[in-house]
Amino acid sequence: LAARIDAEDWFPTELWPEMGALGLHGITVAEEDGGLGLG
């Protein structure tokens, strides 16, 4: 999607839940608060 993101100045919001499912949004958040508890 990278070329289209740049050409159209487009933010693909559908990626956000997919990244969330991998735990990427909460890497530094404690596990008890729903994160991965990493650094």
PDB file of all heavy atoms in Angstrom:
ATOM      1  N   LEU A   1       0.807  -1.219   0.000  1.00  0.00           N
ATOM      2  CA  LEU A   1       0.000   0.000   0.000  1.00  0.00           C
ATOM      3  C   LEU A   1       0.841   1.271   0.000  1.00  0.00           C
ATOM      4  O   LEU A   1       0.309   2.367  -0.161  1.00  0.00           O
ATOM      5  CB  LEU A   1      -0.913   0.027   1.233  1.00  0.00           C
ATOM      6  CG  LEU A   1      -1.872  -1.146   1.438  1.00  0.00           C
ATOM      7  CD1 LEU A   1      -2.616  -0.986   2.760  1.00  0.00           C
ATOM      8  CD2 LEU A   1      -2.852  -1.269   0.284  1.00  0.00           C
ATOM      9  N   ALA A   2       2.162   1.141   0.183  1.00  0.00           N
ATOM     10  CA  ALA A   2       3.007   2.302   0.475  1.00  0.00           C
ATOM     11  C   ALA A   2       2.972   3.354  -0.627  1.00  0.00           C
ATOM     12  O   ALA A   2       2.895   4.559  -0.349  1.00  0.00           O
ATOM     13  CB  ALA A   2       4.442   1.855   0.739  1.00  0.00           C
ATOM     14  N   ALA A   3       3.054   2.933  -1.877  1.00  0.00           N
ATOM     15  CA  ALA A   3       3.060   3.895  -2.982  1.00  0.00           C
ATOM     16  C   ALA A   3       1.734   4.644  -3.055  1.00  0.00           C
ATOM     17  O   ALA A   3       1.700   5.867  -3.276  1.00  0.00           O
ATOM     18  CB  ALA A   3       3.352   3.193  -4.303  1.00  0.00           C
ATOM     19  N   ARG A   4       0.622   3.939  -2.850  1.00  0.00           N
ATOM     20  CA  ARG A   4      -0.688   4.583  -2.886  1.00  0.00           C
ATOM     21  C   ARG A   4      -0.861   5.525  -1.698  1.00  0.00           C
ATOM     22  O   ARG A   4      -1.415   6.630  -1.848  1.00  0.00           O
ATOM     23  CB  ARG A   4      -1.797   3.521  -2.870  1.00  0.00           C
ATOM     24  CG  ARG A   4      -3.187   4.126  -2.902  1.00  0.00           C
ATOM     25  CD  ARG A   4      -4.277   3.100  -2.714  1.00  0.00           C
ATOM     26  NE  ARG A   4      -5.555   3.757  -2.432  1.00  0.00           N
ATOM     27  CZ  ARG A   4      -6.622   3.133  -1.956  1.00  0.00           C
ATOM     28  NH1 ARG A   4      -6.593   1.822  -1.718  1.00  0.00           N
ATOM     29  NH2 ARG A   4      -7.732   3.799  -1.708  1.00  0.00           N
ATOM     30  N   ILE A   5      -0.401   5.106  -0.535  1.00  0.00           N
ATOM     31  CA  ILE A   5      -0.465   5.962   0.655  1.00  0.00           C
ATOM     32  C   ILE A   5       0.185   7.304   0.360  1.00  0.00           C
ATOM     33  O   ILE A   5      -0.349   8.368   0.686  1.00  0.00           O
ATOM     34  CB  ILE A   5       0.217   5.261   1.845  1.00  0.00           C
ATOM     35  CG1 ILE A   5      -0.648   4.099   2.341  1.00  0.00           C
ATOM     36  CG2 ILE A   5       0.494   6.246   2.981  1.00  0.00           C
ATOM     37  CD1 ILE A   5       0.066   3.176   3.308  1.00  0.00           C
ATOM     38  N   ASP A   6       1.358   7.265  -0.274  1.00  0.00           N
ATOM     39  CA  ASP A   6       2.090   8.486  -0.598  1.00  0.00           C
ATOM     40  C   ASP A   6       1.392   9.283  -1.702  1.00  0.00           C
ATOM     41  O   ASP A   6       1.191  10.493  -1.571  1.00  0.00           O
ATOM     42  CB  ASP A   6       3.512   8.125  -1.029  1.00  0.00           C
ATOM     43  CG  ASP A   6       4.318   9.337  -1.453  1.00  0.00           C
ATOM     44  OD1 ASP A   6       4.663  10.157  -0.589  1.00  0.00           O
ATOM     45  OD2 ASP A   6       4.600   9.470  -2.668  1.00  0.00           O
ATOM     46  N   ALA A   7       1.014   8.617  -2.781  1.00  0.00           N
ATOM     47  CA  ALA A   7       0.453   9.313  -3.936  1.00  0.00           C
ATOM     48  C   ALA A   7      -0.876   9.977  -3.624  1.00  0.00           C
ATOM     49  O   ALA A   7      -1.160  11.082  -4.086  1.00  0.00           O
ATOM     50  CB  ALA A   7       0.286   8.337  -5.100  1.00  0.00           C
ATOM     51  N   GLU A   8      -1.691   9.317  -2.825  1.00  0.00           N
ATOM     52  CA  GLU A   8      -3.046   9.814  -2.549  1.00  0.00           C
ATOM     53  C   GLU A   8      -3.150  10.507  -1.189  1.00  0.00           C
ATOM     54  O   GLU A   8      -4.244  10.965  -0.835  1.00  0.00           O
ATOM     55  CB  GLU A   8      -4.047   8.656  -2.618  1.00  0.00           C
ATOM     56  CG  GLU A   8      -4.111   7.984  -3.990  1.00  0.00           C
ATOM     57  CD  GLU A   8      -5.103   6.839  -4.029  1.00  0.00           C
ATOM     58  OE1 GLU A   8      -5.893   6.678  -3.052  1.00  0.00           O
ATOM     59  OE2 GLU A   8      -5.098   6.090  -5.022  1.00  0.00           O
ATOM     60  N   ASP A   9      -2.031  10.583  -0.455  1.00  0.00           N
ATOM     61  CA  ASP A   9      -2.059  11.152   0.897  1.00  0.00           C
ATOM     62  C   ASP A   9      -3.176  10.485   1.689  1.00  0.00           C
ATOM     63  O   ASP A   9      -4.021  11.146   2.308  1.00  0.00           O
ATOM     64  CB  ASP A   9      -2.257  12.666   0.834  1.00  0.00           C
ATOM     65  CG  ASP A   9      -1.814  13.357   2.113  1.00  0.00           C
ATOM     66  OD1 ASP A   9      -1.215  12.697   2.977  1.00  0.00           O
ATOM     67  OD2 ASP A   9      -2.073  14.578   2.251  1.00  0.00           O
ATOM     68  N   TRP A  10      -3.148   9.157   1.699  1.00  0.00           N
ATOM     69  CA  TRP A  10      -4.245   8.316   2.196  1.00  0.00           C
ATOM     70  C   TRP A  10      -3.808   7.575   3.448  1.00  0.00           C
ATOM     71  O   TRP A  10      -2.756   6.931   3.469  1.00  0.00           O
ATOM     72  CB  TRP A  10      -4.658   7.338   1.098  1.00  0.00           C
ATOM     73  CG  TRP A  10      -5.518   6.187   1.526  1.00  0.00           C
ATOM     74  CD1 TRP A  10      -6.747   6.262   2.104  1.00  0.00           C
ATOM     75  CD2 TRP A  10      -5.204   4.794   1.390  1.00  0.00           C
ATOM     76  NE1 TRP A  10      -7.228   4.986   2.352  1.00  0.00           N
ATOM     77  CE2 TRP A  10      -6.308   4.073   1.911  1.00  0.00           C
ATOM     78  CE3 TRP A  10      -4.118   4.084   0.872  1.00  0.00           C
ATOM     79  CZ2 TRP A  10      -6.345   2.680   1.947  1.00  0.00           C
ATOM     80  CZ3 TRP A  10      -4.147   2.704   0.898  1.00  0.00           C
ATOM     81  CH2 TRP A  10      -5.248   2.004   1.427  1.00  0.00           C
ATOM     82  N   PHE A  11      -4.604   7.667   4.501  1.00  0.00           N
ATOM     83  CA  PHE A  11      -4.333   6.957   5.746  1.00  0.00           C
ATOM     84  C   PHE A  11      -5.228   5.727   5.826  1.00  0.00           C
ATOM     85  O   PHE A  11      -6.446   5.854   5.977  1.00  0.00           O
ATOM     86  CB  PHE A  11      -4.599   7.874   6.945  1.00  0.00           C
ATOM     87  CG  PHE A  11      -4.362   7.220   8.273  1.00  0.00           C
ATOM     88  CD1 PHE A  11      -3.081   6.884   8.675  1.00  0.00           C
ATOM     89  CD2 PHE A  11      -5.417   6.952   9.132  1.00  0.00           C
ATOM     90  CE1 PHE A  11      -2.860   6.286   9.908  1.00  0.00           C
ATOM     91  CE2 PHE A  11      -5.205   6.354  10.364  1.00  0.00           C
ATOM     92  CZ  PHE A  11      -3.921   6.020  10.754  1.00  0.00           C
ATOM     93  N   PRO A  12      -4.664   4.524   5.694  1.00  0.00           N
ATOM     94  CA  PRO A  12      -5.472   3.293   5.685  1.00  0.00           C
ATOM     95  C   PRO A  12      -5.842   2.849   7.101  1.00  0.00           C
ATOM     96  O   PRO A  12      -5.133   2.084   7.748  1.00  0.00           O
ATOM     97  CB  PRO A  12      -4.550   2.276   5.003  1.00  0.00           C
ATOM     98  CG  PRO A  12      -3.165   2.760   5.307  1.00  0.00           C
ATOM     99  CD  PRO A  12      -3.238   4.257   5.449  1.00  0.00           C
ATOM    100  N   THR A  13      -6.971   3.331   7.580  1.00  0.00           N
ATOM    101  CA  THR A  13      -7.379   3.058   8.964  1.00  0.00           C
ATOM    102  C   THR A  13      -7.582   1.568   9.219  1.00  0.00           C
ATOM    103  O   THR A  13      -7.488   1.127  10.373  1.00  0.00           O
ATOM    104  CB  THR A  13      -8.690   3.804   9.296  1.00  0.00           C
ATOM    105  OG1 THR A  13      -9.670   3.508   8.295  1.00  0.00           O
ATOM    106  CG2 THR A  13      -8.464   5.310   9.339  1.00  0.00           C
ATOM    107  N   GLU A  14      -7.825   0.796   8.156  1.00  0.00           N
ATOM    108  CA  GLU A  14      -8.061  -0.630   8.361  1.00  0.00           C
ATOM    109  C   GLU A  14      -6.831  -1.357   8.891  1.00  0.00           C
ATOM    110  O   GLU A  14      -6.931  -2.462   9.443  1.00  0.00           O
ATOM    111  CB  GLU A  14      -8.522  -1.290   7.053  1.00  0.00           C
ATOM    112  CG  GLU A  14      -7.504  -1.266   5.913  1.00  0.00           C
ATOM    113  CD  GLU A  14      -7.688  -0.069   4.985  1.00  0.00           C
ATOM    114  OE1 GLU A  14      -8.208   0.951   5.448  1.00  0.00           O
ATOM    115  OE2 GLU A  14      -7.312  -0.192   3.804  1.00  0.00           O
ATOM    116  N   LEU A  15      -5.657  -0.751   8.739  1.00  0.00           N
ATOM    117  CA  LEU A  15      -4.440  -1.378   9.275  1.00  0.00           C
ATOM    118  C   LEU A  15      -4.396  -1.338  10.793  1.00  0.00           C
ATOM    119  O   LEU A  15      -3.731  -2.181  11.420  1.00  0.00           O
ATOM    120  CB  LEU A  15      -3.192  -0.683   8.723  1.00  0.00           C
ATOM    121  CG  LEU A  15      -2.900  -0.840   7.236  1.00  0.00           C
ATOM    122  CD1 LEU A  15      -1.680  -0.005   6.862  1.00  0.00           C
ATOM    123  CD2 LEU A  15      -2.678  -2.308   6.876  1.00  0.00           C
ATOM    124  N   TRP A  16      -5.071  -0.356  11.400  1.00  0.00           N
ATOM    125  CA  TRP A  16      -4.922  -0.135  12.842  1.00  0.00           C
ATOM    126  C   TRP A  16      -5.400  -1.326  13.673  1.00  0.00           C
ATOM    127  O   TRP A  16      -4.683  -1.790  14.569  1.00  0.00           O
ATOM    128  CB  TRP A  16      -5.610   1.166  13.237  1.00  0.00           C
ATOM    129  CG  TRP A  16      -4.653   2.170  13.782  1.00  0.00           C
ATOM    130  CD1 TRP A  16      -4.736   2.823  14.981  1.00  0.00           C
ATOM    131  CD2 TRP A  16      -3.436   2.647  13.168  1.00  0.00           C
ATOM    132  NE1 TRP A  16      -3.652   3.664  15.139  1.00  0.00           N
ATOM    133  CE2 TRP A  16      -2.842   3.572  14.046  1.00  0.00           C
ATOM    134  CE3 TRP A  16      -2.792   2.368  11.974  1.00  0.00           C
ATOM    135  CZ2 TRP A  16      -1.641   4.213  13.775  1.00  0.00           C
ATOM    136  CZ3 TRP A  16      -1.594   3.005  11.686  1.00  0.00           C
ATOM    137  CH2 TRP A  16      -1.032   3.910  12.572  1.00  0.00           C
ATOM    138  N   PRO A  17      -6.605  -1.875  13.431  1.00  0.00           N
ATOM    139  CA  PRO A  17      -7.018  -3.060  14.200  1.00  0.00           C
ATOM    140  C   PRO A  17      -6.132  -4.272  13.921  1.00  0.00           C
ATOM    141  O   PRO A  17      -5.911  -5.096  14.818  1.00  0.00           O
ATOM    142  CB  PRO A  17      -8.463  -3.309  13.728  1.00  0.00           C
ATOM    143  CG  PRO A  17      -8.918  -2.003  13.183  1.00  0.00           C
ATOM    144  CD  PRO A  17      -7.702  -1.369  12.584  1.00  0.00           C
ATOM    145  N   GLU A  18      -5.614  -4.386  12.707  1.00  0.00           N
ATOM    146  CA  GLU A  18      -4.730  -5.507  12.392  1.00  0.00           C
ATOM    147  C   GLU A  18      -3.433  -5.403  13.194  1.00  0.00           C
ATOM    148  O   GLU A  18      -2.915  -6.407  13.698  1.00  0.00           O
ATOM    149  CB  GLU A  18      -4.427  -5.537  10.892  1.00  0.00           C
ATOM    150  CG  GLU A  18      -5.644  -5.787  10.022  1.00  0.00           C
ATOM    151  CD  GLU A  18      -5.301  -5.766   8.538  1.00  0.00           C
ATOM    152  OE1 GLU A  18      -4.221  -6.255   8.165  1.00  0.00           O
ATOM    153  OE2 GLU A  18      -6.115  -5.252   7.747  1.00  0.00           O
ATOM    154  N   MET A  19      -2.903  -4.189  13.307  1.00  0.00           N
ATOM    155  CA  MET A  19      -1.707  -3.984  14.120  1.00  0.00           C
ATOM    156  C   MET A  19      -2.017  -4.190  15.599  1.00  0.00           C
ATOM    157  O   MET A  19      -1.191  -4.715  16.356  1.00  0.00           O
ATOM    158  CB  MET A  19      -1.140  -2.587  13.864  1.00  0.00           C
ATOM    159  CG  MET A  19      -0.630  -2.410  12.438  1.00  0.00           C
ATOM    160  SD  MET A  19      -0.255  -0.698  11.986  1.00  0.00           S
ATOM    161  CE  MET A  19       1.271  -0.436  12.903  1.00  0.00           C
ATOM    162  N   GLY A  20      -3.226  -3.800  15.995  1.00  0.00           N
ATOM    163  CA  GLY A  20      -3.640  -4.034  17.373  1.00  0.00           C
ATOM    164  C   GLY A  20      -3.712  -5.511  17.704  1.00  0.00           C
ATOM    165  O   GLY A  20      -3.332  -5.930  18.806  1.00  0.00           O
ATOM    166  N   ALA A  21      -4.192  -6.310  16.771  1.00  0.00           N
ATOM    167  CA  ALA A  21      -4.302  -7.753  17.004  1.00  0.00           C
ATOM    168  C   ALA A  21      -2.934  -8.394  17.216  1.00  0.00           C
ATOM    169  O   ALA A  21      -2.822  -9.426  17.896  1.00  0.00           O
ATOM    170  CB  ALA A  21      -5.017  -8.414  15.820  1.00  0.00           C
ATOM    171  N   LEU A  22      -1.891  -7.786  16.658  1.00  0.00           N
ATOM    172  CA  LEU A  22      -0.522  -8.283  16.850  1.00  0.00           C
ATOM    173  C   LEU A  22       0.104  -7.751  18.141  1.00  0.00           C
ATOM    174  O   LEU A  22       1.218  -8.148  18.491  1.00  0.00           O
ATOM    175  CB  LEU A  22       0.355  -7.876  15.663  1.00  0.00           C
ATOM    176  CG  LEU A  22       0.016  -8.490  14.306  1.00  0.00           C
ATOM    177  CD1 LEU A  22       0.913  -7.901  13.221  1.00  0.00           C
ATOM    178  CD2 LEU A  22       0.144 -10.006  14.350  1.00  0.00           C
ATOM    179  N   GLY A  23      -0.581  -6.839  18.811  1.00  0.00           N
ATOM    180  CA  GLY A  23      -0.063  -6.272  20.050  1.00  0.00           C
ATOM    181  C   GLY A  23       0.841  -5.078  19.853  1.00  0.00           C
ATOM    182  O   GLY A  23       1.444  -4.586  20.819  1.00  0.00           O
ATOM    183  N   LEU A  24       0.937  -4.557  18.634  1.00  0.00           N
ATOM    184  CA  LEU A  24       1.916  -3.516  18.336  1.00  0.00           C
ATOM    185  C   LEU A  24       1.587  -2.172  18.983  1.00  0.00           C
ATOM    186  O   LEU A  24       2.492  -1.375  19.235  1.00  0.00           O
ATOM    187  CB  LEU A  24       2.040  -3.332  16.821  1.00  0.00           C
ATOM    188  CG  LEU A  24       2.583  -4.538  16.043  1.00  0.00           C
ATOM    189  CD1 LEU A  24       2.655  -4.222  14.560  1.00  0.00           C
ATOM    190  CD2 LEU A  24       3.951  -4.948  16.572  1.00  0.00           C
ATOM    191  N   HIS A  25       0.324  -1.914  19.251  1.00  0.00           N
ATOM    192  CA  HIS A  25      -0.044  -0.614  19.813  1.00  0.00           C
ATOM    193  C   HIS A  25       0.228  -0.520  21.316  1.00  0.00           C
ATOM    194  O   HIS A  25       0.285   0.594  21.852  1.00  0.00           O
ATOM    195  CB  HIS A  25      -1.524  -0.325  19.563  1.00  0.00           C
ATOM    196  CG  HIS A  25      -1.889  -0.209  18.125  1.00  0.00           C
ATOM    197  ND1 HIS A  25      -1.139   0.496  17.219  1.00  0.00           N
ATOM    198  CD2 HIS A  25      -2.951  -0.717  17.412  1.00  0.00           C
ATOM    199  CE1 HIS A  25      -1.710   0.416  16.020  1.00  0.00           C
ATOM    200  NE2 HIS A  25      -2.794  -0.308  16.127  1.00  0.00           N
ATOM    201  N   GLY A  26       0.365  -1.653  21.971  1.00  0.00           N
ATOM    202  CA  GLY A  26       0.526  -1.634  23.420  1.00  0.00           C
ATOM    203  C   GLY A  26       1.814  -2.287  23.888  1.00  0.00           C
ATOM    204  O   GLY A  26       1.857  -2.875  24.974  1.00  0.00           O
ATOM    205  N   ILE A  27       2.874  -2.160  23.102  1.00  0.00           N
ATOM    206  CA  ILE A  27       4.129  -2.833  23.442  1.00  0.00           C
ATOM    207  C   ILE A  27       4.627  -2.440  24.818  1.00  0.00           C
ATOM    208  O   ILE A  27       5.057  -3.287  25.609  1.00  0.00           O
ATOM    209  CB  ILE A  27       5.198  -2.547  22.360  1.00  0.00           C
ATOM    210  CG1 ILE A  27       4.853  -3.304  21.063  1.00  0.00           C
ATOM    211  CG2 ILE A  27       6.599  -2.947  22.837  1.00  0.00           C
ATOM    212  CD1 ILE A  27       5.802  -3.046  19.914  1.00  0.00           C
ATOM    213  N   THR A  28       4.563  -1.151  25.153  1.00  0.00           N
ATOM    214  CA  THR A  28       5.112  -0.686  26.431  1.00  0.00           C
ATOM    215  C   THR A  28       4.064  -0.623  27.543  1.00  0.00           C
ATOM    216  O   THR A  28       4.379  -0.204  28.656  1.00  0.00           O
ATOM    217  CB  THR A  28       5.745   0.716  26.270  1.00  0.00           C
ATOM    218  OG1 THR A  28       4.748   1.635  25.788  1.00  0.00           O
ATOM    219  CG2 THR A  28       6.917   0.685  25.309  1.00  0.00           C
ATOM    220  N   VAL A  29       2.851  -1.059  27.274  1.00  0.00           N
ATOM    221  CA  VAL A  29       1.780  -1.026  28.276  1.00  0.00           C
ATOM    222  C   VAL A  29       1.798  -2.326  29.084  1.00  0.00           C
ATOM    223  O   VAL A  29       1.988  -3.409  28.529  1.00  0.00           O
ATOM    224  CB  VAL A  29       0.403  -0.835  27.601  1.00  0.00           C
ATOM    225  CG1 VAL A  29      -0.725  -0.869  28.624  1.00  0.00           C
ATOM    226  CG2 VAL A  29       0.377   0.477  26.822  1.00  0.00           C
ATOM    227  N   ALA A  30       1.597  -2.209  30.379  1.00  0.00           N
ATOM    228  CA  ALA A  30       1.603  -3.383  31.258  1.00  0.00           C
ATOM    229  C   ALA A  30       0.538  -4.389  30.827  1.00  0.00           C
ATOM    230  O   ALA A  30      -0.519  -4.021  30.307  1.00  0.00           O
ATOM    231  CB  ALA A  30       1.362  -2.947  32.700  1.00  0.00           C
ATOM    232  N   GLU A  31       0.819  -5.656  31.089  1.00  0.00           N
ATOM    233  CA  GLU A  31      -0.120  -6.711  30.694  1.00  0.00           C
ATOM    234  C   GLU A  31      -1.468  -6.541  31.376  1.00  0.00           C
ATOM    235  O   GLU A  31      -2.516  -6.813  30.775  1.00  0.00           O
ATOM    236  CB  GLU A  31       0.483  -8.079  31.015  1.00  0.00           C
ATOM    237  CG  GLU A  31       1.682  -8.436  30.139  1.00  0.00           C
ATOM    238  CD  GLU A  31       2.209  -9.830  30.425  1.00  0.00           C
ATOM    239  OE1 GLU A  31       1.434 -10.799  30.230  1.00  0.00           O
ATOM    240  OE2 GLU A  31       3.372  -9.942  30.844  1.00  0.00           O
ATOM    241  N   GLU A  32      -1.471  -6.097  32.633  1.00  0.00           N
ATOM    242  CA  GLU A  32      -2.746  -5.934  33.341  1.00  0.00           C
ATOM    243  C   GLU A  32      -3.606  -4.832  32.732  1.00  0.00           C
ATOM    244  O   GLU A  32      -4.820  -4.779  32.955  1.00  0.00           O
ATOM    245  CB  GLU A  32      -2.523  -5.651  34.829  1.00  0.00           C
ATOM    246  CG  GLU A  32      -1.651  -4.465  35.142  1.00  0.00           C
ATOM    247  CD  GLU A  32      -0.195  -4.842  35.386  1.00  0.00           C
ATOM    248  OE1 GLU A  32       0.283  -5.823  34.755  1.00  0.00           O
ATOM    249  OE2 GLU A  32       0.460  -4.164  36.203  1.00  0.00           O
ATOM    250  N   ASP A  33      -2.985  -3.950  31.937  1.00  0.00           N
ATOM    251  CA  ASP A  33      -3.737  -2.902  31.240  1.00  0.00           C
ATOM    252  C   ASP A  33      -3.971  -3.259  29.771  1.00  0.00           C
ATOM    253  O   ASP A  33      -4.393  -2.412  28.988  1.00  0.00           O
ATOM    254  CB  ASP A  33      -2.991  -1.570  31.336  1.00  0.00           C
ATOM    255  CG  ASP A  33      -2.993  -1.001  32.751  1.00  0.00           C
ATOM    256  OD1 ASP A  33      -4.032  -1.130  33.424  1.00  0.00           O
ATOM    257  OD2 ASP A  33      -1.956  -0.450  33.174  1.00  0.00           O
ATOM    258  N   GLY A  34      -3.681  -4.492  29.404  1.00  0.00           N
ATOM    259  CA  GLY A  34      -3.974  -4.963  28.056  1.00  0.00           C
ATOM    260  C   GLY A  34      -2.826  -4.921  27.075  1.00  0.00           C
ATOM    261  O   GLY A  34      -3.015  -5.228  25.893  1.00  0.00           O
ATOM    262  N   GLY A  35      -1.627  -4.542  27.538  1.00  0.00           N
ATOM    263  CA  GLY A  35      -0.478  -4.455  26.645  1.00  0.00           C
ATOM    264  C   GLY A  35       0.406  -5.681  26.694  1.00  0.00           C
ATOM    265  O   GLY A  35       0.054  -6.707  27.291  1.00  0.00           O
ATOM    266  N   LEU A  36       1.577  -5.572  26.074  1.00  0.00           N
ATOM    267  CA  LEU A  36       2.522  -6.684  26.042  1.00  0.00           C
ATOM    268  C   LEU A  36       3.508  -6.632  27.202  1.00  0.00           C
ATOM    269  O   LEU A  36       4.215  -7.615  27.453  1.00  0.00           O
ATOM    270  CB  LEU A  36       3.308  -6.680  24.715  1.00  0.00           C
ATOM    271  CG  LEU A  36       2.503  -6.890  23.430  1.00  0.00           C
ATOM    272  CD1 LEU A  36       3.443  -6.948  22.225  1.00  0.00           C
ATOM    273  CD2 LEU A  36       1.668  -8.160  23.507  1.00  0.00           C
ATOM    274  N   GLY A  37       3.595  -5.499  27.884  1.00  0.00           N
ATOM    275  CA  GLY A  37       4.487  -5.400  29.032  1.00  0.00           C
ATOM    276  C   GLY A  37       5.955  -5.448  28.664  1.00  0.00           C
ATOM    277  O   GLY A  37       6.786  -5.892  29.460  1.00  0.00           O
ATOM    278  N   LEU A  38       6.295  -4.980  27.465  1.00  0.00           N
ATOM    279  CA  LEU A  38       7.681  -4.976  27.006  1.00  0.00           C
ATOM    280  C   LEU A  38       8.268  -3.575  27.107  1.00  0.00           C
ATOM    281  O   LEU A  38       7.688  -2.695  27.732  1.00  0.00           O
ATOM    282  CB  LEU A  38       7.748  -5.523  25.578  1.00  0.00           C
ATOM    283  CG  LEU A  38       7.209  -6.939  25.395  1.00  0.00           C
ATOM    284  CD1 LEU A  38       7.203  -7.339  23.926  1.00  0.00           C
ATOM    285  CD2 LEU A  38       8.022  -7.942  26.220  1.00  0.00           C
ATOM    286  N   GLY A  39       9.432  -3.363  26.482  1.00  0.00           N
ATOM    287  CA  GLY A  39      10.130  -2.113  26.676  1.00  0.00           C
ATOM    288  C   GLY A  39      10.287  -1.287  25.417  1.00  0.00           C
ATOM    289  O   GLY A  39       9.778  -1.623  24.338  1.00  0.00           O
TER     290      GLY A  39
END
